[in-house]
Amino acid sequence: MLIISYQQLARSKVPVATLKERAKANPKPMTDERDEFIIQLLHWFKGEFFKWVNTLPCSRCGSDKTVHAGVGVPNEEDRRYGAGTVELHKCTVCQSVMRFPRYNDRALFAVLLEYTGC
């Protein structure tokens, strides 16, 4: 099994060529092209790399009609990977409750990136 550093993994996910093209195509670029690249990187990271959601879709019926239902207690597995909080989301269609652990472990984050195809 090949073990790569977090930095190598992160770099492998960044579309460098695309960001360089965007930096050059900006009608009002910054003076230093490296600064412009960083600006493009920040926009990409926040706007394209992550998918921001207010509530989770239901894992049981697939509905997007879910509401935040408070905070739960992390279980043993959650704690093993550094989750200090678990958000709860309840489906208003089937009443199912979904758990969303908030992890802090960088290794787990890297695994999740691979799993989701990022």
PDB file of N, CA and C in Angstrom:
ATOM      1  N   MET A   1       0.843  -1.182   0.000  1.00  0.00           N
ATOM      2  CA  MET A   1       0.000   0.000   0.000  1.00  0.00           C
ATOM      3  C   MET A   1       0.890   1.248   0.000  1.00  0.00           C
ATOM      4  N   LEU A   2       0.650   2.117  -0.945  1.00  0.00           N
ATOM      5  CA  LEU A   2       1.414   3.351  -1.059  1.00  0.00           C
ATOM      6  C   LEU A   2       0.836   4.392  -0.108  1.00  0.00           C
ATOM      7  N   ILE A   3       1.679   4.964   0.725  1.00  0.00           N
ATOM      8  CA  ILE A   3       1.240   5.999   1.649  1.00  0.00           C
ATOM      9  C   ILE A   3       1.781   7.328   1.142  1.00  0.00           C
ATOM     10  N   ILE A   4       0.870   8.264   0.898  1.00  0.00           N
ATOM     11  CA  ILE A   4       1.308   9.587   0.454  1.00  0.00           C
ATOM     12  C   ILE A   4       0.984  10.606   1.534  1.00  0.00           C
ATOM     13  N   SER A   5       1.671  11.727   1.480  1.00  0.00           N
ATOM     14  CA  SER A   5       1.450  12.751   2.491  1.00  0.00           C
ATOM     15  C   SER A   5       0.126  13.468   2.234  1.00  0.00           C
ATOM     16  N   TYR A   6      -0.382  14.127   3.263  1.00  0.00           N
ATOM     17  CA  TYR A   6      -1.602  14.919   3.123  1.00  0.00           C
ATOM     18  C   TYR A   6      -1.404  15.995   2.058  1.00  0.00           C
ATOM     19  N   GLN A   7      -0.211  16.583   2.015  1.00  0.00           N
ATOM     20  CA  GLN A   7       0.066  17.631   1.046  1.00  0.00           C
ATOM     21  C   GLN A   7       0.013  17.066  -0.378  1.00  0.00           C
ATOM     22  N   GLN A   8       0.588  15.885  -0.589  1.00  0.00           N
ATOM     23  CA  GLN A   8       0.541  15.264  -1.914  1.00  0.00           C
ATOM     24  C   GLN A   8      -0.899  14.955  -2.307  1.00  0.00           C
ATOM     25  N   LEU A   9      -1.673  14.435  -1.362  1.00  0.00           N
ATOM     26  CA  LEU A   9      -3.070  14.116  -1.644  1.00  0.00           C
ATOM     27  C   LEU A   9      -3.838  15.383  -2.007  1.00  0.00           C
ATOM     28  N   ALA A  10      -3.640  16.434  -1.221  1.00  0.00           N
ATOM     29  CA  ALA A  10      -4.331  17.691  -1.505  1.00  0.00           C
ATOM     30  C   ALA A  10      -3.953  18.224  -2.878  1.00  0.00           C
ATOM     31  N   ARG A  11      -2.664  18.207  -3.195  1.00  0.00           N
ATOM     32  CA  ARG A  11      -2.205  18.716  -4.493  1.00  0.00           C
ATOM     33  C   ARG A  11      -2.775  17.907  -5.653  1.00  0.00           C
ATOM     34  N   SER A  12      -2.986  16.616  -5.440  1.00  0.00           N
ATOM     35  CA  SER A  12      -3.517  15.779  -6.513  1.00  0.00           C
ATOM     36  C   SER A  12      -4.972  16.111  -6.840  1.00  0.00           C
ATOM     37  N   LYS A  13      -5.658  16.789  -5.939  1.00  0.00           N
ATOM     38  CA  LYS A  13      -7.070  17.124  -6.134  1.00  0.00           C
ATOM     39  C   LYS A  13      -7.280  18.486  -6.780  1.00  0.00           C
ATOM     40  N   VAL A  14      -6.257  19.331  -6.779  1.00  0.00           N
ATOM     41  CA  VAL A  14      -6.384  20.697  -7.281  1.00  0.00           C
ATOM     42  C   VAL A  14      -6.222  20.727  -8.801  1.00  0.00           C
ATOM     43  N   PRO A  15      -7.198  21.306  -9.521  1.00  0.00           N
ATOM     44  CA  PRO A  15      -7.092  21.405 -10.988  1.00  0.00           C
ATOM     45  C   PRO A  15      -6.199  22.589 -11.388  1.00  0.00           C
ATOM     46  N   VAL A  16      -4.897  22.413 -11.224  1.00  0.00           N
ATOM     47  CA  VAL A  16      -3.929  23.495 -11.413  1.00  0.00           C
ATOM     48  C   VAL A  16      -4.053  24.135 -12.789  1.00  0.00           C
ATOM     49  N   ALA A  17      -4.114  23.340 -13.844  1.00  0.00           N
ATOM     50  CA  ALA A  17      -4.179  23.893 -15.208  1.00  0.00           C
ATOM     51  C   ALA A  17      -5.425  24.766 -15.383  1.00  0.00           C
ATOM     52  N   THR A  18      -6.550  24.304 -14.904  1.00  0.00           N
ATOM     53  CA  THR A  18      -7.795  25.064 -15.005  1.00  0.00           C
ATOM     54  C   THR A  18      -7.691  26.381 -14.249  1.00  0.00           C
ATOM     55  N   LEU A  19      -7.118  26.329 -13.055  1.00  0.00           N
ATOM     56  CA  LEU A  19      -6.998  27.545 -12.249  1.00  0.00           C
ATOM     57  C   LEU A  19      -6.029  28.543 -12.886  1.00  0.00           C
ATOM     58  N   LYS A  20      -4.974  28.041 -13.499  1.00  0.00           N
ATOM     59  CA  LYS A  20      -4.043  28.936 -14.202  1.00  0.00           C
ATOM     60  C   LYS A  20      -4.734  29.600 -15.387  1.00  0.00           C
ATOM     61  N   GLU A  21      -5.568  28.834 -16.112  1.00  0.00           N
ATOM     62  CA  GLU A  21      -6.322  29.398 -17.233  1.00  0.00           C
ATOM     63  C   GLU A  21      -7.276  30.487 -16.747  1.00  0.00           C
ATOM     64  N   ARG A  22      -7.961  30.212 -15.651  1.00  0.00           N
ATOM     65  CA  ARG A  22      -8.883  31.200 -15.091  1.00  0.00           C
ATOM     66  C   ARG A  22      -8.138  32.458 -14.654  1.00  0.00           C
ATOM     67  N   ALA A  23      -6.971  32.268 -14.075  1.00  0.00           N
ATOM     68  CA  ALA A  23      -6.175  33.416 -13.621  1.00  0.00           C
ATOM     69  C   ALA A  23      -5.787  34.296 -14.814  1.00  0.00           C
ATOM     70  N   LYS A  24      -5.378  33.666 -15.913  1.00  0.00           N
ATOM     71  CA  LYS A  24      -4.986  34.424 -17.106  1.00  0.00           C
ATOM     72  C   LYS A  24      -6.182  35.085 -17.779  1.00  0.00           C
ATOM     73  N   ALA A  25      -7.366  34.462 -17.680  1.00  0.00           N
ATOM     74  CA  ALA A  25      -8.568  34.974 -18.345  1.00  0.00           C
ATOM     75  C   ALA A  25      -9.273  36.074 -17.545  1.00  0.00           C
ATOM     76  N   ASN A  26      -8.880  36.304 -16.304  1.00  0.00           N
ATOM     77  CA  ASN A  26      -9.523  37.327 -15.482  1.00  0.00           C
ATOM     78  C   ASN A  26      -9.308  38.701 -16.110  1.00  0.00           C
ATOM     79  N   PRO A  27     -10.395  39.437 -16.399  1.00  0.00           N
ATOM     80  CA  PRO A  27     -10.235  40.755 -17.022  1.00  0.00           C
ATOM     81  C   PRO A  27      -9.586  41.795 -16.098  1.00  0.00           C
ATOM     82  N   LYS A  28      -9.622  41.544 -14.810  1.00  0.00           N
ATOM     83  CA  LYS A  28      -8.991  42.465 -13.844  1.00  0.00           C
ATOM     84  C   LYS A  28      -8.050  41.676 -12.936  1.00  0.00           C
ATOM     85  N   PRO A  29      -6.980  41.131 -13.511  1.00  0.00           N
ATOM     86  CA  PRO A  29      -6.090  40.288 -12.704  1.00  0.00           C
ATOM     87  C   PRO A  29      -5.250  41.110 -11.720  1.00  0.00           C
ATOM     88  N   MET A  30      -4.765  40.440 -10.709  1.00  0.00           N
ATOM     89  CA  MET A  30      -3.844  41.063  -9.771  1.00  0.00           C
ATOM     90  C   MET A  30      -2.500  41.235 -10.483  1.00  0.00           C
ATOM     91  N   THR A  31      -1.657  42.086  -9.956  1.00  0.00           N
ATOM     92  CA  THR A  31      -0.367  42.374 -10.579  1.00  0.00           C
ATOM     93  C   THR A  31       0.509  41.130 -10.667  1.00  0.00           C
ATOM     94  N   ASP A  32       0.614  40.391  -9.590  1.00  0.00           N
ATOM     95  CA  ASP A  32       1.441  39.179  -9.560  1.00  0.00           C
ATOM     96  C   ASP A  32       0.572  37.978  -9.918  1.00  0.00           C
ATOM     97  N   GLU A  33       0.959  37.232 -10.934  1.00  0.00           N
ATOM     98  CA  GLU A  33       0.138  36.092 -11.373  1.00  0.00           C
ATOM     99  C   GLU A  33       0.024  35.006 -10.311  1.00  0.00           C
ATOM    100  N   ARG A  34       0.999  34.917  -9.407  1.00  0.00           N
ATOM    101  CA  ARG A  34       0.890  33.947  -8.304  1.00  0.00           C
ATOM    102  C   ARG A  34      -0.234  34.340  -7.363  1.00  0.00           C
ATOM    103  N   ASP A  35      -0.380  35.645  -7.117  1.00  0.00           N
ATOM    104  CA  ASP A  35      -1.480  36.118  -6.278  1.00  0.00           C
ATOM    105  C   ASP A  35      -2.823  35.825  -6.934  1.00  0.00           C
ATOM    106  N   GLU A  36      -2.897  36.040  -8.239  1.00  0.00           N
ATOM    107  CA  GLU A  36      -4.134  35.760  -8.967  1.00  0.00           C
ATOM    108  C   GLU A  36      -4.460  34.266  -8.916  1.00  0.00           C
ATOM    109  N   PHE A  37      -3.440  33.419  -9.023  1.00  0.00           N
ATOM    110  CA  PHE A  37      -3.661  31.975  -8.913  1.00  0.00           C
ATOM    111  C   PHE A  37      -4.245  31.626  -7.546  1.00  0.00           C
ATOM    112  N   ILE A  38      -3.714  32.227  -6.495  1.00  0.00           N
ATOM    113  CA  ILE A  38      -4.209  31.961  -5.136  1.00  0.00           C
ATOM    114  C   ILE A  38      -5.672  32.381  -5.009  1.00  0.00           C
ATOM    115  N   ILE A  39      -6.026  33.518  -5.593  1.00  0.00           N
ATOM    116  CA  ILE A  39      -7.424  33.978  -5.566  1.00  0.00           C
ATOM    117  C   ILE A  39      -8.315  32.957  -6.272  1.00  0.00           C
ATOM    118  N   GLN A  40      -7.869  32.471  -7.429  1.00  0.00           N
ATOM    119  CA  GLN A  40      -8.644  31.456  -8.156  1.00  0.00           C
ATOM    120  C   GLN A  40      -8.749  30.160  -7.352  1.00  0.00           C
ATOM    121  N   LEU A  41      -7.665  29.796  -6.677  1.00  0.00           N
ATOM    122  CA  LEU A  41      -7.669  28.600  -5.831  1.00  0.00           C
ATOM    123  C   LEU A  41      -8.690  28.732  -4.699  1.00  0.00           C
ATOM    124  N   LEU A  42      -8.734  29.881  -4.073  1.00  0.00           N
ATOM    125  CA  LEU A  42      -9.692  30.105  -2.982  1.00  0.00           C
ATOM    126  C   LEU A  42     -11.130  30.022  -3.474  1.00  0.00           C
ATOM    127  N   HIS A  43     -11.403  30.631  -4.636  1.00  0.00           N
ATOM    128  CA  HIS A  43     -12.757  30.557  -5.203  1.00  0.00           C
ATOM    129  C   HIS A  43     -13.133  29.106  -5.511  1.00  0.00           C
ATOM    130  N   TRP A  44     -12.209  28.367  -6.108  1.00  0.00           N
ATOM    131  CA  TRP A  44     -12.461  26.961  -6.430  1.00  0.00           C
ATOM    132  C   TRP A  44     -12.709  26.147  -5.165  1.00  0.00           C
ATOM    133  N   PHE A  45     -11.859  26.339  -4.163  1.00  0.00           N
ATOM    134  CA  PHE A  45     -11.951  25.552  -2.932  1.00  0.00           C
ATOM    135  C   PHE A  45     -13.299  25.744  -2.255  1.00  0.00           C
ATOM    136  N   LYS A  46     -13.722  26.969  -2.134  1.00  0.00           N
ATOM    137  CA  LYS A  46     -14.984  27.243  -1.444  1.00  0.00           C
ATOM    138  C   LYS A  46     -16.205  26.980  -2.321  1.00  0.00           C
ATOM    139  N   GLY A  47     -16.107  27.278  -3.618  1.00  0.00           N
ATOM    140  CA  GLY A  47     -17.284  27.192  -4.473  1.00  0.00           C
ATOM    141  C   GLY A  47     -17.480  25.905  -5.244  1.00  0.00           C
ATOM    142  N   GLU A  48     -16.396  25.138  -5.465  1.00  0.00           N
ATOM    143  CA  GLU A  48     -16.518  23.934  -6.286  1.00  0.00           C
ATOM    144  C   GLU A  48     -16.075  22.655  -5.576  1.00  0.00           C
ATOM    145  N   PHE A  49     -15.032  22.749  -4.773  1.00  0.00           N
ATOM    146  CA  PHE A  49     -14.482  21.554  -4.135  1.00  0.00           C
ATOM    147  C   PHE A  49     -15.445  20.975  -3.112  1.00  0.00           C
ATOM    148  N   PHE A  50     -15.996  21.830  -2.275  1.00  0.00           N
ATOM    149  CA  PHE A  50     -16.943  21.373  -1.261  1.00  0.00           C
ATOM    150  C   PHE A  50     -18.362  21.560  -1.737  1.00  0.00           C
ATOM    151  N   LYS A  51     -19.234  20.682  -1.269  1.00  0.00           N
ATOM    152  CA  LYS A  51     -20.659  20.841  -1.521  1.00  0.00           C
ATOM    153  C   LYS A  51     -21.282  21.220  -0.182  1.00  0.00           C
ATOM    154  N   TRP A  52     -21.755  22.453  -0.100  1.00  0.00           N
ATOM    155  CA  TRP A  52     -22.330  22.951   1.143  1.00  0.00           C
ATOM    156  C   TRP A  52     -23.803  22.598   1.191  1.00  0.00           C
ATOM    157  N   VAL A  53     -24.260  22.082   2.322  1.00  0.00           N
ATOM    158  CA  VAL A  53     -25.673  21.754   2.512  1.00  0.00           C
ATOM    159  C   VAL A  53     -26.135  22.295   3.862  1.00  0.00           C
ATOM    160  N   ASN A  54     -27.406  22.670   3.919  1.00  0.00           N
ATOM    161  CA  ASN A  54     -27.967  23.119   5.186  1.00  0.00           C
ATOM    162  C   ASN A  54     -28.466  21.935   6.006  1.00  0.00           C
ATOM    163  N   THR A  55     -29.126  21.003   5.345  1.00  0.00           N
ATOM    164  CA  THR A  55     -29.548  19.768   5.995  1.00  0.00           C
ATOM    165  C   THR A  55     -29.249  18.612   5.055  1.00  0.00           C
ATOM    166  N   LEU A  56     -29.142  17.421   5.619  1.00  0.00           N
ATOM    167  CA  LEU A  56     -28.815  16.230   4.835  1.00  0.00           C
ATOM    168  C   LEU A  56     -30.036  15.705   4.101  1.00  0.00           C
ATOM    169  N   PRO A  57     -29.856  15.137   2.909  1.00  0.00           N
ATOM    170  CA  PRO A  57     -30.975  14.419   2.291  1.00  0.00           C
ATOM    171  C   PRO A  57     -31.227  13.145   3.093  1.00  0.00           C
ATOM    172  N   CYS A  58     -32.451  12.669   3.069  1.00  0.00           N
ATOM    173  CA  CYS A  58     -32.803  11.478   3.848  1.00  0.00           C
ATOM    174  C   CYS A  58     -32.120  10.242   3.267  1.00  0.00           C
ATOM    175  N   SER A  59     -31.439   9.502   4.117  1.00  0.00           N
ATOM    176  CA  SER A  59     -30.747   8.288   3.666  1.00  0.00           C
ATOM    177  C   SER A  59     -31.714   7.123   3.503  1.00  0.00           C
ATOM    178  N   ARG A  60     -32.927   7.262   4.013  1.00  0.00           N
ATOM    179  CA  ARG A  60     -33.914   6.178   3.914  1.00  0.00           C
ATOM    180  C   ARG A  60     -34.817   6.338   2.689  1.00  0.00           C
ATOM    181  N   CYS A  61     -35.445   7.527   2.534  1.00  0.00           N
ATOM    182  CA  CYS A  61     -36.399   7.706   1.431  1.00  0.00           C
ATOM    183  C   CYS A  61     -35.878   8.640   0.339  1.00  0.00           C
ATOM    184  N   GLY A  62     -34.739   9.295   0.569  1.00  0.00           N
ATOM    185  CA  GLY A  62     -34.148  10.162  -0.431  1.00  0.00           C
ATOM    186  C   GLY A  62     -34.715  11.572  -0.481  1.00  0.00           C
ATOM    187  N   SER A  63     -35.664  11.878   0.359  1.00  0.00           N
ATOM    188  CA  SER A  63     -36.278  13.209   0.362  1.00  0.00           C
ATOM    189  C   SER A  63     -35.276  14.284   0.766  1.00  0.00           C
ATOM    190  N   ASP A  64     -35.482  15.471   0.218  1.00  0.00           N
ATOM    191  CA  ASP A  64     -34.661  16.604   0.652  1.00  0.00           C
ATOM    192  C   ASP A  64     -35.403  17.441   1.693  1.00  0.00           C
ATOM    193  N   LYS A  65     -36.514  16.929   2.153  1.00  0.00           N
ATOM    194  CA  LYS A  65     -37.309  17.632   3.160  1.00  0.00           C
ATOM    195  C   LYS A  65     -36.881  17.177   4.560  1.00  0.00           C
ATOM    196  N   THR A  66     -35.711  17.638   4.948  1.00  0.00           N
ATOM    197  CA  THR A  66     -35.189  17.306   6.265  1.00  0.00           C
ATOM    198  C   THR A  66     -34.946  18.592   7.037  1.00  0.00           C
ATOM    199  N   VAL A  67     -34.960  18.481   8.350  1.00  0.00           N
ATOM    200  CA  VAL A  67     -34.730  19.637   9.207  1.00  0.00           C
ATOM    201  C   VAL A  67     -33.667  19.290  10.237  1.00  0.00           C
ATOM    202  N   HIS A  68     -32.954  20.299  10.664  1.00  0.00           N
ATOM    203  CA  HIS A  68     -31.957  20.113  11.709  1.00  0.00           C
ATOM    204  C   HIS A  68     -32.706  19.742  12.985  1.00  0.00           C
ATOM    205  N   ALA A  69     -32.264  18.669  13.654  1.00  0.00           N
ATOM    206  CA  ALA A  69     -32.972  18.168  14.833  1.00  0.00           C
ATOM    207  C   ALA A  69     -32.109  18.187  16.086  1.00  0.00           C
ATOM    208  N   GLY A  70     -31.103  19.022  16.101  1.00  0.00           N
ATOM    209  CA  GLY A  70     -30.289  19.137  17.303  1.00  0.00           C
ATOM    210  C   GLY A  70     -28.949  18.438  17.187  1.00  0.00           C
ATOM    211  N   VAL A  71     -28.392  18.162  18.347  1.00  0.00           N
ATOM    212  CA  VAL A  71     -27.056  17.574  18.440  1.00  0.00           C
ATOM    213  C   VAL A  71     -27.139  16.273  19.221  1.00  0.00           C
ATOM    214  N   GLY A  72     -26.415  15.255  18.730  1.00  0.00           N
ATOM    215  CA  GLY A  72     -26.386  13.970  19.401  1.00  0.00           C
ATOM    216  C   GLY A  72     -25.034  13.719  20.052  1.00  0.00           C
ATOM    217  N   VAL A  73     -24.927  12.601  20.710  1.00  0.00           N
ATOM    218  CA  VAL A  73     -23.695  12.208  21.390  1.00  0.00           C
ATOM    219  C   VAL A  73     -22.871  11.336  20.449  1.00  0.00           C
ATOM    220  N   PRO A  74     -21.587  11.630  20.287  1.00  0.00           N
ATOM    221  CA  PRO A  74     -20.741  10.793  19.429  1.00  0.00           C
ATOM    222  C   PRO A  74     -20.641   9.370  19.986  1.00  0.00           C
ATOM    223  N   ASN A  75     -20.723   8.370  19.102  1.00  0.00           N
ATOM    224  CA  ASN A  75     -20.548   6.990  19.545  1.00  0.00           C
ATOM    225  C   ASN A  75     -19.055   6.653  19.566  1.00  0.00           C
ATOM    226  N   GLU A  76     -18.722   5.424  19.877  1.00  0.00           N
ATOM    227  CA  GLU A  76     -17.314   5.024  20.012  1.00  0.00           C
ATOM    228  C   GLU A  76     -16.527   5.254  18.723  1.00  0.00           C
ATOM    229  N   GLU A  77     -17.100   4.875  17.579  1.00  0.00           N
ATOM    230  CA  GLU A  77     -16.410   5.058  16.298  1.00  0.00           C
ATOM    231  C   GLU A  77     -16.214   6.549  15.997  1.00  0.00           C
ATOM    232  N   ASP A  78     -17.253   7.347  16.250  1.00  0.00           N
ATOM    233  CA  ASP A  78     -17.145   8.793  16.039  1.00  0.00           C
ATOM    234  C   ASP A  78     -15.985   9.366  16.851  1.00  0.00           C
ATOM    235  N   ARG A  79     -15.905   8.986  18.113  1.00  0.00           N
ATOM    236  CA  ARG A  79     -14.855   9.500  19.001  1.00  0.00           C
ATOM    237  C   ARG A  79     -13.470   9.019  18.566  1.00  0.00           C
ATOM    238  N   ARG A  80     -13.389   7.789  18.054  1.00  0.00           N
ATOM    239  CA  ARG A  80     -12.100   7.251  17.611  1.00  0.00           C
ATOM    240  C   ARG A  80     -11.489   8.121  16.511  1.00  0.00           C
ATOM    241  N   TYR A  81     -12.351   8.698  15.660  1.00  0.00           N
ATOM    242  CA  TYR A  81     -11.872   9.550  14.576  1.00  0.00           C
ATOM    243  C   TYR A  81     -11.957  11.036  14.912  1.00  0.00           C
ATOM    244  N   GLY A  82     -12.172  11.352  16.160  1.00  0.00           N
ATOM    245  CA  GLY A  82     -12.095  12.737  16.594  1.00  0.00           C
ATOM    246  C   GLY A  82     -13.365  13.554  16.474  1.00  0.00           C
ATOM    247  N   ALA A  83     -14.507  12.901  16.318  1.00  0.00           N
ATOM    248  CA  ALA A  83     -15.760  13.663  16.259  1.00  0.00           C
ATOM    249  C   ALA A  83     -16.141  14.106  17.662  1.00  0.00           C
ATOM    250  N   GLY A  84     -16.282  15.395  17.830  1.00  0.00           N
ATOM    251  CA  GLY A  84     -16.693  15.919  19.123  1.00  0.00           C
ATOM    252  C   GLY A  84     -18.171  16.225  19.147  1.00  0.00           C
ATOM    253  N   THR A  85     -18.773  16.310  17.963  1.00  0.00           N
ATOM    254  CA  THR A  85     -20.190  16.656  17.841  1.00  0.00           C
ATOM    255  C   THR A  85     -20.826  15.802  16.759  1.00  0.00           C
ATOM    256  N   VAL A  86     -22.106  15.516  16.945  1.00  0.00           N
ATOM    257  CA  VAL A  86     -22.875  14.811  15.926  1.00  0.00           C
ATOM    258  C   VAL A  86     -24.147  15.613  15.685  1.00  0.00           C
ATOM    259  N   GLU A  87     -24.309  16.099  14.462  1.00  0.00           N
ATOM    260  CA  GLU A  87     -25.537  16.812  14.110  1.00  0.00           C
ATOM    261  C   GLU A  87     -26.615  15.778  13.788  1.00  0.00           C
ATOM    262  N   LEU A  88     -27.838  16.081  14.162  1.00  0.00           N
ATOM    263  CA  LEU A  88     -28.970  15.216  13.848  1.00  0.00           C
ATOM    264  C   LEU A  88     -29.881  15.940  12.859  1.00  0.00           C
ATOM    265  N   HIS A  89     -30.347  15.202  11.852  1.00  0.00           N
ATOM    266  CA  HIS A  89     -31.255  15.744  10.848  1.00  0.00           C
ATOM    267  C   HIS A  89     -32.438  14.786  10.740  1.00  0.00           C
ATOM    268  N   LYS A  90     -33.669  15.318  10.762  1.00  0.00           N
ATOM    269  CA  LYS A  90     -34.869  14.486  10.731  1.00  0.00           C
ATOM    270  C   LYS A  90     -35.638  14.720   9.439  1.00  0.00           C
ATOM    271  N   CYS A  91     -36.036  13.616   8.808  1.00  0.00           N
ATOM    272  CA  CYS A  91     -36.825  13.676   7.581  1.00  0.00           C
ATOM    273  C   CYS A  91     -38.278  13.956   7.949  1.00  0.00           C
ATOM    274  N   THR A  92     -38.873  14.966   7.319  1.00  0.00           N
ATOM    275  CA  THR A  92     -40.271  15.289   7.609  1.00  0.00           C
ATOM    276  C   THR A  92     -41.233  14.386   6.839  1.00  0.00           C
ATOM    277  N   VAL A  93     -40.709  13.559   5.926  1.00  0.00           N
ATOM    278  CA  VAL A  93     -41.546  12.643   5.149  1.00  0.00           C
ATOM    279  C   VAL A  93     -41.672  11.294   5.857  1.00  0.00           C
ATOM    280  N   CYS A  94     -40.525  10.662   6.180  1.00  0.00           N
ATOM    281  CA  CYS A  94     -40.568   9.317   6.775  1.00  0.00           C
ATOM    282  C   CYS A  94     -40.161   9.297   8.250  1.00  0.00           C
ATOM    283  N   GLN A  95     -39.823  10.453   8.799  1.00  0.00           N
ATOM    284  CA  GLN A  95     -39.457  10.614  10.215  1.00  0.00           C
ATOM    285  C   GLN A  95     -38.121   9.970  10.601  1.00  0.00           C
ATOM    286  N   SER A  96     -37.354   9.552   9.620  1.00  0.00           N
ATOM    287  CA  SER A  96     -36.042   8.960   9.879  1.00  0.00           C
ATOM    288  C   SER A  96     -35.082  10.036  10.392  1.00  0.00           C
ATOM    289  N   VAL A  97     -34.150   9.644  11.261  1.00  0.00           N
ATOM    290  CA  VAL A  97     -33.150  10.576  11.779  1.00  0.00           C
ATOM    291  C   VAL A  97     -31.780  10.160  11.253  1.00  0.00           C
ATOM    292  N   MET A  98     -31.068  11.116  10.671  1.00  0.00           N
ATOM    293  CA  MET A  98     -29.727  10.877  10.163  1.00  0.00           C
ATOM    294  C   MET A  98     -28.722  11.539  11.091  1.00  0.00           C
ATOM    295  N   ARG A  99     -27.594  10.880  11.261  1.00  0.00           N
ATOM    296  CA  ARG A  99     -26.498  11.409  12.080  1.00  0.00           C
ATOM    297  C   ARG A  99     -25.412  11.945  11.155  1.00  0.00           C
ATOM    298  N   PHE A 100     -24.805  13.063  11.537  1.00  0.00           N
ATOM    299  CA  PHE A 100     -23.713  13.644  10.760  1.00  0.00           C
ATOM    300  C   PHE A 100     -22.586  14.009  11.722  1.00  0.00           C
ATOM    301  N   PRO A 101     -21.652  13.056  11.946  1.00  0.00           N
ATOM    302  CA  PRO A 101     -20.531  13.341  12.847  1.00  0.00           C
ATOM    303  C   PRO A 101     -19.614  14.410  12.253  1.00  0.00           C
ATOM    304  N   ARG A 102     -19.153  15.305  13.091  1.00  0.00           N
ATOM    305  CA  ARG A 102     -18.204  16.349  12.681  1.00  0.00           C
ATOM    306  C   ARG A 102     -16.813  15.876  13.083  1.00  0.00           C
ATOM    307  N   TYR A 103     -16.080  15.309  12.099  1.00  0.00           N
ATOM    308  CA  TYR A 103     -14.766  14.748  12.354  1.00  0.00           C
ATOM    309  C   TYR A 103     -13.668  15.799  12.293  1.00  0.00           C
ATOM    310  N   ASN A 104     -12.590  15.544  13.026  1.00  0.00           N
ATOM    311  CA  ASN A 104     -11.429  16.422  13.022  1.00  0.00           C
ATOM    312  C   ASN A 104     -10.161  15.700  12.579  1.00  0.00           C
ATOM    313  N   ASP A 105     -10.255  14.410  12.291  1.00  0.00           N
ATOM    314  CA  ASP A 105      -9.089  13.613  11.934  1.00  0.00           C
ATOM    315  C   ASP A 105      -8.737  13.821  10.458  1.00  0.00           C
ATOM    316  N   ARG A 106      -7.532  14.332  10.177  1.00  0.00           N
ATOM    317  CA  ARG A 106      -7.125  14.603   8.791  1.00  0.00           C
ATOM    318  C   ARG A 106      -7.023  13.332   7.963  1.00  0.00           C
ATOM    319  N   ALA A 107      -6.603  12.229   8.562  1.00  0.00           N
ATOM    320  CA  ALA A 107      -6.492  10.975   7.810  1.00  0.00           C
ATOM    321  C   ALA A 107      -7.871  10.517   7.351  1.00  0.00           C
ATOM    322  N   LEU A 108      -8.866  10.632   8.225  1.00  0.00           N
ATOM    323  CA  LEU A 108     -10.220  10.248   7.841  1.00  0.00           C
ATOM    324  C   LEU A 108     -10.722  11.178   6.740  1.00  0.00           C
ATOM    325  N   PHE A 109     -10.422  12.455   6.845  1.00  0.00           N
ATOM    326  CA  PHE A 109     -10.825  13.408   5.814  1.00  0.00           C
ATOM    327  C   PHE A 109     -10.234  13.001   4.468  1.00  0.00           C
ATOM    328  N   ALA A 110      -8.988  12.599   4.463  1.00  0.00           N
ATOM    329  CA  ALA A 110      -8.339  12.167   3.228  1.00  0.00           C
ATOM    330  C   ALA A 110      -9.034  10.933   2.646  1.00  0.00           C
ATOM    331  N   VAL A 111      -9.401   9.991   3.493  1.00  0.00           N
ATOM    332  CA  VAL A 111     -10.116   8.789   3.047  1.00  0.00           C
ATOM    333  C   VAL A 111     -11.462   9.183   2.459  1.00  0.00           C
ATOM    334  N   LEU A 112     -12.161  10.115   3.110  1.00  0.00           N
ATOM    335  CA  LEU A 112     -13.458  10.555   2.608  1.00  0.00           C
ATOM    336  C   LEU A 112     -13.329  11.236   1.247  1.00  0.00           C
ATOM    337  N   LEU A 113     -12.245  11.982   1.049  1.00  0.00           N
ATOM    338  CA  LEU A 113     -12.011  12.606  -0.250  1.00  0.00           C
ATOM    339  C   LEU A 113     -11.907  11.545  -1.337  1.00  0.00           C
ATOM    340  N   GLU A 114     -11.163  10.478  -1.040  1.00  0.00           N
ATOM    341  CA  GLU A 114     -11.019   9.401  -2.012  1.00  0.00           C
ATOM    342  C   GLU A 114     -12.357   8.704  -2.256  1.00  0.00           C
ATOM    343  N   TYR A 115     -13.116   8.457  -1.185  1.00  0.00           N
ATOM    344  CA  TYR A 115     -14.382   7.751  -1.275  1.00  0.00           C
ATOM    345  C   TYR A 115     -15.389   8.530  -2.125  1.00  0.00           C
ATOM    346  N   THR A 116     -15.422   9.852  -1.967  1.00  0.00           N
ATOM    347  CA  THR A 116     -16.386  10.663  -2.681  1.00  0.00           C
ATOM    348  C   THR A 116     -15.920  11.042  -4.075  1.00  0.00           C
ATOM    349  N   GLY A 117     -14.694  10.656  -4.419  1.00  0.00           N
ATOM    350  CA  GLY A 117     -14.187  10.936  -5.743  1.00  0.00           C
ATOM    351  C   GLY A 117     -13.672  12.349  -5.924  1.00  0.00           C
ATOM    352  N   CYS A 118     -13.420  13.038  -4.842  1.00  0.00           N
ATOM    353  CA  CYS A 118     -12.897  14.422  -4.945  1.00  0.00           C
ATOM    354  C   CYS A 118     -11.459  14.410  -5.391  1.00  0.00           C
TER     355      CYS A 118
END
